[in-house]
Amino acid sequence: MKTKRWLTVILAAALTVSLAACGGKNDNAAGEEGNKGGKQDITLRVMWWGSQTRHDATLKAIALYEEQNPNVKIVSEYSGWDGYWDKLATLSAARNMPDIFQMDASYLGDYATRNQLLDWEGADLSKLDAKLLDTGAVEGKQVALPAGRNSYGIVYNKSLFTQYGIEEPKEDWKWDDFFKMARDARTKLPEGMYLSRDFSAGELEYRAYQHAEGKGPFYIDNKLNMDKDTWLEWSTIWSDMRKDGIVAPAEQTISDVELDTQFDSLVKGKVLMKGTHSSQIAAYDSLLPGKLGVAAFPSDTEAGGWLKPTFYWSIAAGTKQAEESKKFVLWLLNDPEAGKILKTERGTPVSDEVMAAIEADLTDADKLGQQMLEKIAKNAQPFTAQPPGYNDFGRDMNNTIQSVIFNKTTPDKAYETIQKLAADTEASLK
């Protein structure tokens, strides 16, 4: 399957090269024709994924930048998440990458270790959140800048909590409080409604639990750090709750599609809470206006949550417009006028100056997302990204976890499988 996929990418790359040759010149080589106001004309290609709201806001910001810099023309390439990484891989293989593009933590290491990302050495990054900035460094090189502040916590329907007489999560709640709440809620909720989706189906929720139990992050030094006893305890608790009908059944959990009006279990009222990123709260509020509350994940010996970049901006190492690319990205992140257009579309701004400029204009939904981030920030754990070369591992691990919740394998066997997947991944990288 992997061979077939790479063959597709190579063929697509060949076609891209052929078309580029027919076209005469690469957009990355732009800047040789004409000038405006004595400045050389420059064309930048910028690529991102996101919703239509993000597309509209970004295009509006780009129009402002072009107005302020009349010698710069920005060619925008945008889509949803689906297909984005296949397209970027094709462009990469064809050596026709956009100058500037959104980058995700799960792919950052792979592109960085292939030397495809520009090092930001020498740029003035002093206005950006220093802690988040560090997460965009790979092997000592700053190859990505955080596009926004983000966190992973719990969103819940407080209207349904009130309707069914369930107490909302407290500021300092523990995992035992959550498990008790789930069991108590079963006696109050009608058939087919549950306190939460099955958190054991997700890697991020397990990460939060392992942190809370004091067993450290999921990855340490670019290697898997999955504590066996903690994993078995976690899996057993959720298995028992599934058997007792305390949490949503496996079929419902797996069919859940975030923010889909037909398949999101929170939006449909089938569960009262679920895990999500703070950057998604405004989108949830648009579907359940005024009904939502937010909380950090429960703690135990330690806090379970972390702060992370929503995602990143990176620049292609092969760009012929390195300085202008840097200038544009820093303008997006640091300029208050750009911030007023983009607001929290890519998460809370990473510049305090921009945050101050937009604060008065934030909607209640934006403020709710900020509230989640602040709840988690109080005791946030360090964020650890997926190591380079671990993309297939992440997919296969999640498939293994799903086998557990469908009772196709045991937690013990799943743990052994996941450890072998990690060992095979590490061996393939040597």
Protein backbone atom coordinates (compact mmCIF):
# COMPACT_ATOMS: atom_id res chain seq x y z
CA MET A 1 0.00 0.00 0.00
CA LYS A 2 2.84 2.39 0.91
CA THR A 3 4.65 1.57 -2.37
CA LYS A 4 1.51 2.28 -4.37
CA ARG A 5 1.00 5.61 -2.58
CA TRP A 6 4.58 6.75 -3.23
CA LEU A 7 4.30 5.66 -6.87
CA THR A 8 1.26 7.93 -7.15
CA VAL A 9 3.19 10.81 -5.59
CA ILE A 10 6.18 10.27 -7.92
CA LEU A 11 3.95 10.17 -11.02
CA ALA A 12 2.13 13.29 -9.87
CA ALA A 13 5.46 14.95 -9.22
CA ALA A 14 6.64 14.11 -12.72
CA LEU A 15 3.48 15.64 -14.16
CA THR A 16 3.97 18.74 -12.02
CA VAL A 17 7.56 19.13 -13.27
CA SER A 18 6.39 18.68 -16.86
CA LEU A 19 3.68 21.31 -16.49
CA ALA A 20 6.10 23.68 -14.77
CA ALA A 21 8.51 23.29 -17.69
CA CYS A 22 5.73 24.07 -20.16
CA GLY A 23 4.77 27.13 -18.15
CA GLY A 24 8.22 28.65 -18.59
CA LYS A 25 9.10 29.64 -15.01
CA ASN A 26 8.50 28.63 -11.42
CA ASP A 27 6.55 31.03 -9.20
CA ASN A 28 9.40 30.73 -6.67
CA ALA A 29 11.66 32.38 -9.21
CA ALA A 30 9.35 35.37 -9.60
CA GLY A 31 10.67 38.85 -9.06
CA GLU A 32 12.55 39.42 -12.30
CA GLU A 33 9.87 41.42 -14.10
CA GLY A 34 9.08 45.10 -13.68
CA ASN A 35 8.98 47.20 -10.56
CA LYS A 36 6.58 49.39 -8.62
CA GLY A 37 7.81 52.51 -6.90
CA GLY A 38 11.41 51.53 -7.60
CA LYS A 39 11.03 48.15 -5.89
CA GLN A 40 11.41 44.84 -7.65
CA ASP A 41 8.17 42.96 -8.27
CA ILE A 42 7.91 39.88 -6.08
CA THR A 43 5.50 36.95 -6.21
CA LEU A 44 4.99 34.72 -3.18
CA ARG A 45 3.05 31.48 -3.10
CA VAL A 46 1.26 30.85 0.20
CA MET A 47 -0.50 27.57 1.00
CA TRP A 48 -2.72 26.64 3.94
CA TRP A 49 -5.58 24.39 5.03
CA GLY A 50 -8.67 25.34 6.98
CA SER A 51 -12.35 26.23 6.94
CA GLN A 52 -14.00 28.78 4.67
CA THR A 53 -13.89 31.25 7.55
CA ARG A 54 -10.10 30.89 7.69
CA HIS A 55 -9.81 31.21 3.93
CA ASP A 56 -11.87 34.42 3.89
CA ALA A 57 -9.95 36.01 6.77
CA THR A 58 -6.55 35.07 5.33
CA LEU A 59 -7.42 36.39 1.87
CA LYS A 60 -8.56 39.66 3.44
CA ALA A 61 -5.28 39.95 5.36
CA ILE A 62 -3.31 39.19 2.19
CA ALA A 63 -5.18 41.96 0.35
CA LEU A 64 -4.13 44.41 3.07
CA TYR A 65 -0.49 43.29 2.83
CA GLU A 66 -0.52 43.72 -0.96
CA GLU A 67 -2.02 47.19 -0.51
CA GLN A 68 0.77 48.11 1.91
CA ASN A 69 3.42 46.47 -0.31
CA PRO A 70 2.34 47.16 -3.92
CA ASN A 71 5.38 45.40 -5.39
CA VAL A 72 4.32 42.09 -3.78
CA LYS A 73 1.82 39.72 -5.38
CA ILE A 74 0.67 36.77 -3.26
CA VAL A 75 -0.70 33.66 -4.94
CA SER A 76 -2.96 31.80 -2.50
CA GLU A 77 -3.42 28.02 -2.50
CA TYR A 78 -5.86 26.69 0.09
CA SER A 79 -7.99 23.66 0.88
CA GLY A 80 -9.34 21.59 3.74
CA TRP A 81 -7.13 19.24 5.75
CA ASP A 82 -8.04 16.29 3.51
CA GLY A 83 -5.64 16.15 0.59
CA TYR A 84 -3.40 18.95 1.89
CA TRP A 85 -0.48 16.70 2.83
CA ASP A 86 -0.65 14.62 -0.34
CA LYS A 87 -0.50 17.83 -2.35
CA LEU A 88 2.43 19.19 -0.32
CA ALA A 89 4.28 15.86 -0.74
CA THR A 90 3.72 16.02 -4.50
CA LEU A 91 4.99 19.60 -4.70
CA SER A 92 7.94 18.66 -2.51
CA ALA A 93 8.90 15.73 -4.75
CA ALA A 94 8.65 18.04 -7.78
CA ARG A 95 10.80 20.68 -6.06
CA ASN A 96 7.95 23.10 -6.56
CA MET A 97 6.96 23.83 -2.96
CA PRO A 98 5.15 27.08 -2.13
CA ASP A 99 7.32 29.74 -0.54
CA ILE A 100 5.22 29.78 2.64
CA PHE A 101 2.90 27.10 3.99
CA GLN A 102 1.10 25.94 7.11
CA MET A 103 2.86 23.11 8.92
CA ASP A 104 1.55 20.69 11.55
CA ALA A 105 3.47 19.21 14.49
CA SER A 106 2.87 15.68 13.21
CA TYR A 107 4.74 16.44 9.95
CA LEU A 108 7.25 19.02 11.15
CA GLY A 109 10.03 16.59 12.04
CA ASP A 110 9.81 14.73 8.73
CA TYR A 111 10.09 17.86 6.57
CA ALA A 112 12.77 19.36 8.81
CA THR A 113 15.03 16.30 8.79
CA ARG A 114 14.81 16.21 4.98
CA ASN A 115 16.18 19.79 5.00
CA GLN A 116 13.09 21.16 3.26
CA LEU A 117 12.37 23.97 5.73
CA LEU A 118 14.17 27.31 5.95
CA ASP A 119 16.05 28.13 9.16
CA TRP A 120 14.81 31.39 10.74
CA GLU A 121 18.26 32.13 12.19
CA GLY A 122 18.90 35.88 12.37
CA ALA A 123 15.22 36.90 12.25
CA ASP A 124 13.77 39.04 15.05
CA LEU A 125 11.36 36.70 16.82
CA SER A 126 11.32 38.61 20.11
CA LYS A 127 7.59 39.44 19.98
CA LEU A 128 6.52 35.79 19.78
CA ASP A 129 5.71 33.46 22.70
CA ALA A 130 9.14 32.04 23.61
CA LYS A 131 7.82 28.73 25.01
CA LEU A 132 5.82 27.97 21.90
CA LEU A 133 8.66 29.14 19.69
CA ASP A 134 10.84 26.33 21.03
CA THR A 135 8.37 23.72 19.74
CA GLY A 136 9.14 24.83 16.17
CA ALA A 137 12.84 23.99 16.51
CA VAL A 138 14.18 20.69 15.15
CA GLU A 139 17.78 19.60 15.77
CA GLY A 140 18.67 23.07 16.94
CA LYS A 141 17.20 24.91 13.95
CA GLN A 142 14.14 27.18 14.13
CA VAL A 143 12.25 25.85 11.11
CA ALA A 144 8.68 26.81 12.02
CA LEU A 145 6.90 29.66 13.79
CA PRO A 146 3.75 29.02 15.85
CA ALA A 147 0.65 30.38 14.11
CA GLY A 148 -1.37 30.60 17.34
CA ARG A 149 -1.65 29.45 20.95
CA ASN A 150 -3.74 26.36 21.49
CA SER A 151 -4.61 23.83 24.18
CA TYR A 152 -6.50 20.56 24.46
CA GLY A 153 -9.27 20.34 27.02
CA ILE A 154 -12.95 19.57 27.51
CA VAL A 155 -15.97 21.32 26.02
CA TYR A 156 -19.37 20.50 27.49
CA ASN A 157 -23.02 21.40 27.04
CA LYS A 158 -23.76 23.25 30.27
CA SER A 159 -27.43 23.60 29.31
CA LEU A 160 -27.82 19.81 29.35
CA PHE A 161 -25.87 19.59 32.62
CA THR A 162 -28.44 21.93 34.16
CA GLN A 163 -31.40 20.21 32.51
CA TYR A 164 -30.47 16.80 33.92
CA GLY A 165 -29.23 17.99 37.31
CA ILE A 166 -25.55 17.14 36.80
CA GLU A 167 -22.93 19.28 38.53
CA GLU A 168 -20.49 20.97 36.14
CA PRO A 169 -16.75 20.14 36.33
CA LYS A 170 -14.89 21.98 39.09
CA GLU A 171 -11.63 23.85 38.66
CA ASP A 172 -9.50 21.27 40.52
CA TRP A 173 -11.32 18.05 39.65
CA LYS A 174 -9.56 14.67 39.59
CA TRP A 175 -9.95 11.67 37.29
CA ASP A 176 -11.85 9.83 40.04
CA ASP A 177 -14.31 12.75 40.05
CA PHE A 178 -14.80 12.31 36.31
CA PHE A 179 -15.38 8.55 36.53
CA LYS A 180 -17.89 9.04 39.37
CA MET A 181 -19.64 11.79 37.40
CA ALA A 182 -19.97 9.43 34.42
CA ARG A 183 -21.56 6.68 36.55
CA ASP A 184 -23.91 9.09 38.34
CA ALA A 185 -24.94 10.65 35.02
CA ARG A 186 -26.06 7.25 33.73
CA THR A 187 -28.89 7.26 36.30
CA LYS A 188 -30.06 10.73 35.21
CA LEU A 189 -29.72 10.69 31.43
CA PRO A 190 -32.21 9.11 29.03
CA GLU A 191 -31.30 6.02 27.02
CA GLY A 192 -28.88 6.83 24.20
CA MET A 193 -27.31 9.82 26.00
CA TYR A 194 -23.98 9.64 27.84
CA LEU A 195 -21.77 11.94 29.83
CA SER A 196 -18.92 11.61 27.32
CA ARG A 197 -17.63 9.84 24.30
CA ASP A 198 -15.20 7.00 25.02
CA PHE A 199 -11.97 8.85 25.80
CA SER A 200 -9.96 5.63 25.53
CA ALA A 201 -10.43 5.80 21.75
CA GLY A 202 -8.13 8.82 21.54
CA GLU A 203 -4.38 9.14 21.96
CA LEU A 204 -4.61 12.73 23.26
CA GLU A 205 -6.92 11.78 26.14
CA TYR A 206 -4.57 8.99 27.15
CA ARG A 207 -1.65 11.43 27.02
CA ALA A 208 -3.55 13.66 29.47
CA TYR A 209 -4.16 10.70 31.81
CA GLN A 210 -0.53 9.54 31.73
CA HIS A 211 0.64 13.08 32.50
CA ALA A 212 -1.87 13.32 35.37
CA GLU A 213 -0.59 10.05 36.84
CA GLY A 214 2.93 11.47 36.93
CA LYS A 215 4.32 9.12 34.28
CA GLY A 216 5.62 11.82 31.97
CA PRO A 217 4.93 12.78 28.37
CA PHE A 218 3.98 10.28 25.67
CA TYR A 219 7.25 10.88 23.80
CA ILE A 220 10.66 11.50 25.36
CA ASP A 221 13.78 12.20 23.27
CA ASN A 222 11.88 11.30 20.09
CA LYS A 223 10.92 7.87 21.43
CA LEU A 224 7.66 6.42 22.70
CA ASN A 225 7.17 6.64 26.48
CA MET A 226 3.96 4.68 27.09
CA ASP A 227 3.76 3.46 30.69
CA LYS A 228 2.39 -0.10 30.68
CA ASP A 229 0.65 -0.09 34.08
CA THR A 230 -1.00 3.27 33.39
CA TRP A 231 -2.16 2.12 29.95
CA LEU A 232 -3.64 -1.12 31.31
CA GLU A 233 -5.39 0.71 34.15
CA TRP A 234 -6.84 3.28 31.71
CA SER A 235 -8.01 0.65 29.23
CA THR A 236 -9.60 -1.51 31.93
CA ILE A 237 -11.56 1.39 33.44
CA TRP A 238 -13.03 2.31 30.06
CA SER A 239 -13.71 -1.31 29.13
CA ASP A 240 -15.75 -1.70 32.32
CA MET A 241 -17.66 1.51 31.61
CA ARG A 242 -18.50 0.35 28.08
CA LYS A 243 -19.82 -2.96 29.43
CA ASP A 244 -21.98 -1.11 31.96
CA GLY A 245 -23.33 1.34 29.38
CA ILE A 246 -21.72 4.29 31.18
CA VAL A 247 -20.07 5.79 28.09
CA ALA A 248 -20.98 5.89 24.42
CA PRO A 249 -20.66 2.56 22.58
CA ALA A 250 -17.69 1.94 20.29
CA GLU A 251 -19.71 2.41 17.09
CA GLN A 252 -20.87 5.87 18.15
CA THR A 253 -17.41 6.92 19.31
CA ILE A 254 -15.68 5.90 16.08
CA SER A 255 -18.33 7.50 13.86
CA ASP A 256 -17.95 10.85 15.67
CA VAL A 257 -16.75 13.56 13.26
CA GLU A 258 -15.72 16.81 14.90
CA LEU A 259 -17.99 19.78 14.12
CA ASP A 260 -20.06 17.77 11.65
CA THR A 261 -23.73 18.64 12.13
CA GLN A 262 -24.74 15.04 11.45
CA PHE A 263 -21.97 13.05 13.14
CA ASP A 264 -20.55 15.13 15.99
CA SER A 265 -21.94 13.49 19.13
CA LEU A 266 -21.79 16.70 21.20
CA VAL A 267 -23.58 18.74 18.53
CA LYS A 268 -26.23 16.02 18.17
CA GLY A 269 -26.81 15.91 21.95
CA LYS A 270 -25.72 12.28 22.31
CA VAL A 271 -22.93 13.14 24.75
CA LEU A 272 -22.61 16.04 27.19
CA MET A 273 -18.85 16.53 26.84
CA LYS A 274 -15.86 15.69 24.68
CA GLY A 275 -12.22 16.63 24.18
CA THR A 276 -11.30 19.39 21.74
CA HIS A 277 -8.79 22.16 21.12
CA SER A 278 -9.38 25.68 22.40
CA SER A 279 -9.10 26.91 18.81
CA GLN A 280 -12.29 24.94 17.98
CA ILE A 281 -14.48 26.45 20.70
CA ALA A 282 -15.77 29.32 18.57
CA ALA A 283 -16.79 26.83 15.86
CA TYR A 284 -18.65 24.72 18.44
CA ASP A 285 -20.36 27.81 19.80
CA SER A 286 -21.64 28.63 16.31
CA LEU A 287 -23.46 25.27 16.36
CA LEU A 288 -24.54 25.41 20.03
CA PRO A 289 -24.68 29.16 20.71
CA GLY A 290 -24.55 30.16 24.37
CA LYS A 291 -24.82 26.56 25.63
CA LEU A 292 -21.19 25.65 26.22
CA GLY A 293 -18.74 25.51 29.09
CA VAL A 294 -15.06 24.55 29.09
CA ALA A 295 -12.73 22.75 31.48
CA ALA A 296 -9.20 21.42 31.72
CA PHE A 297 -8.78 17.66 31.77
CA PRO A 298 -8.80 16.23 35.31
CA SER A 299 -5.54 16.04 37.25
CA ASP A 300 -4.16 13.61 39.83
CA THR A 301 -0.58 13.78 41.08
CA GLU A 302 0.06 16.28 38.27
CA ALA A 303 -1.93 18.33 35.77
CA GLY A 304 -2.86 16.58 32.57
CA GLY A 305 -3.08 19.42 30.04
CA TRP A 306 -0.55 21.21 27.89
CA LEU A 307 -0.23 24.29 25.72
CA LYS A 308 0.82 23.91 22.11
CA PRO A 309 0.87 25.83 18.87
CA THR A 310 -2.33 25.48 16.88
CA PHE A 311 0.07 24.70 14.02
CA TYR A 312 2.94 26.55 12.34
CA TRP A 313 4.07 28.67 9.44
CA SER A 314 7.13 27.35 7.58
CA ILE A 315 9.11 28.57 4.59
CA ALA A 316 10.51 26.29 1.88
CA ALA A 317 14.28 25.92 2.11
CA GLY A 318 14.50 26.34 -1.67
CA THR A 319 12.59 29.62 -1.89
CA LYS A 320 14.20 32.41 -3.90
CA GLN A 321 12.30 34.95 -1.80
CA ALA A 322 13.52 34.09 1.70
CA GLU A 323 13.61 37.62 3.14
CA GLU A 324 10.25 38.67 1.70
CA SER A 325 8.72 35.38 2.90
CA LYS A 326 10.00 36.02 6.42
CA LYS A 327 8.70 39.58 6.29
CA PHE A 328 5.20 38.43 5.32
CA VAL A 329 4.96 35.70 7.99
CA LEU A 330 6.18 38.05 10.72
CA TRP A 331 3.63 40.62 9.54
CA LEU A 332 0.85 38.02 9.87
CA LEU A 333 1.97 37.19 13.41
CA ASN A 334 3.01 40.62 14.73
CA ASP A 335 0.97 43.29 12.99
CA PRO A 336 -2.06 44.53 14.99
CA GLU A 337 -4.02 45.35 11.82
CA ALA A 338 -3.48 41.83 10.49
CA GLY A 339 -4.50 40.53 13.91
CA LYS A 340 -7.78 42.46 13.79
CA ILE A 341 -8.63 40.65 10.55
CA LEU A 342 -7.46 37.16 11.55
CA LYS A 343 -8.52 37.40 15.22
CA THR A 344 -8.42 33.89 16.73
CA GLU A 345 -8.91 31.97 13.48
CA ARG A 346 -5.54 30.27 13.95
CA GLY A 347 -5.75 30.23 17.74
CA THR A 348 -4.98 32.92 20.29
CA PRO A 349 -2.31 35.28 18.86
CA VAL A 350 1.29 34.41 19.78
CA SER A 351 2.09 38.12 20.08
CA ASP A 352 0.91 39.86 23.26
CA GLU A 353 0.73 43.14 21.33
CA VAL A 354 -1.68 41.63 18.80
CA MET A 355 -3.73 40.02 21.57
CA ALA A 356 -4.11 43.40 23.28
CA ALA A 357 -5.19 44.96 19.97
CA ILE A 358 -8.00 42.47 19.35
CA GLU A 359 -9.17 41.79 22.90
CA ALA A 360 -11.96 44.38 22.86
CA ASP A 361 -13.35 42.92 19.63
CA LEU A 362 -13.43 39.27 20.72
CA THR A 363 -16.83 37.60 20.65
CA ASP A 364 -18.15 35.64 23.62
CA ALA A 365 -17.23 32.48 21.74
CA ASP A 366 -13.64 33.69 21.24
CA LYS A 367 -13.46 34.52 24.94
CA LEU A 368 -14.67 31.03 25.84
CA GLY A 369 -11.81 29.50 23.85
CA GLN A 370 -9.42 31.86 25.62
CA GLN A 371 -10.94 30.77 28.94
CA MET A 372 -10.11 27.12 28.19
CA LEU A 373 -6.55 28.07 27.30
CA GLU A 374 -6.15 30.04 30.54
CA LYS A 375 -7.54 27.17 32.67
CA ILE A 376 -4.95 24.82 31.21
CA ALA A 377 -2.10 27.35 31.22
CA LYS A 378 -2.11 27.55 35.03
CA ASN A 379 -0.43 24.13 35.34
CA ALA A 380 0.42 23.30 31.75
CA GLN A 381 2.73 20.41 30.96
CA PRO A 382 5.40 20.77 28.25
CA PHE A 383 4.17 19.89 24.77
CA THR A 384 5.93 17.03 22.97
CA ALA A 385 5.37 16.66 19.25
CA GLN A 386 5.21 13.39 17.38
CA PRO A 387 8.82 12.44 16.48
CA PRO A 388 10.13 12.52 12.90
CA GLY A 389 9.17 9.42 10.93
CA TYR A 390 6.27 8.50 13.22
CA ASN A 391 3.33 9.34 10.93
CA ASP A 392 2.62 5.71 10.01
CA PHE A 393 3.12 4.74 13.65
CA GLY A 394 0.47 7.22 14.78
CA ARG A 395 -2.06 5.84 12.31
CA ASP A 396 -1.31 2.19 13.15
CA MET A 397 -1.40 2.89 16.89
CA ASN A 398 -4.84 4.48 16.62
CA ASN A 399 -6.07 1.47 14.63
CA THR A 400 -4.77 -0.77 17.43
CA ILE A 401 -6.54 1.31 20.08
CA GLN A 402 -9.78 1.02 18.12
CA SER A 403 -9.36 -2.77 18.10
CA VAL A 404 -9.41 -2.64 21.90
CA ILE A 405 -12.67 -0.72 22.16
CA PHE A 406 -14.30 -3.12 19.68
CA ASN A 407 -13.05 -6.06 21.81
CA LYS A 408 -11.00 -7.46 18.93
CA THR A 409 -7.88 -7.52 21.09
CA THR A 410 -6.98 -7.12 24.75
CA PRO A 411 -5.24 -4.11 26.33
CA ASP A 412 -2.20 -6.34 27.05
CA LYS A 413 -1.89 -7.45 23.44
CA ALA A 414 -2.53 -3.92 22.20
CA TYR A 415 0.30 -2.62 24.39
CA GLU A 416 2.67 -5.24 22.93
CA THR A 417 1.57 -4.34 19.40
CA ILE A 418 2.11 -0.62 20.00
CA GLN A 419 5.57 -1.24 21.47
CA LYS A 420 6.50 -3.34 18.44
CA LEU A 421 5.21 -0.64 16.09
CA ALA A 422 7.41 1.89 17.88
CA ALA A 423 10.45 -0.41 17.78
CA ASP A 424 9.95 -1.08 14.05
CA THR A 425 9.60 2.65 13.41
CA GLU A 426 12.81 3.44 15.28
CA ALA A 427 14.66 0.65 13.45
CA SER A 428 13.51 1.99 10.08
CA LEU A 429 14.95 5.42 10.89
CA LYS A 430 18.48 4.17 11.61
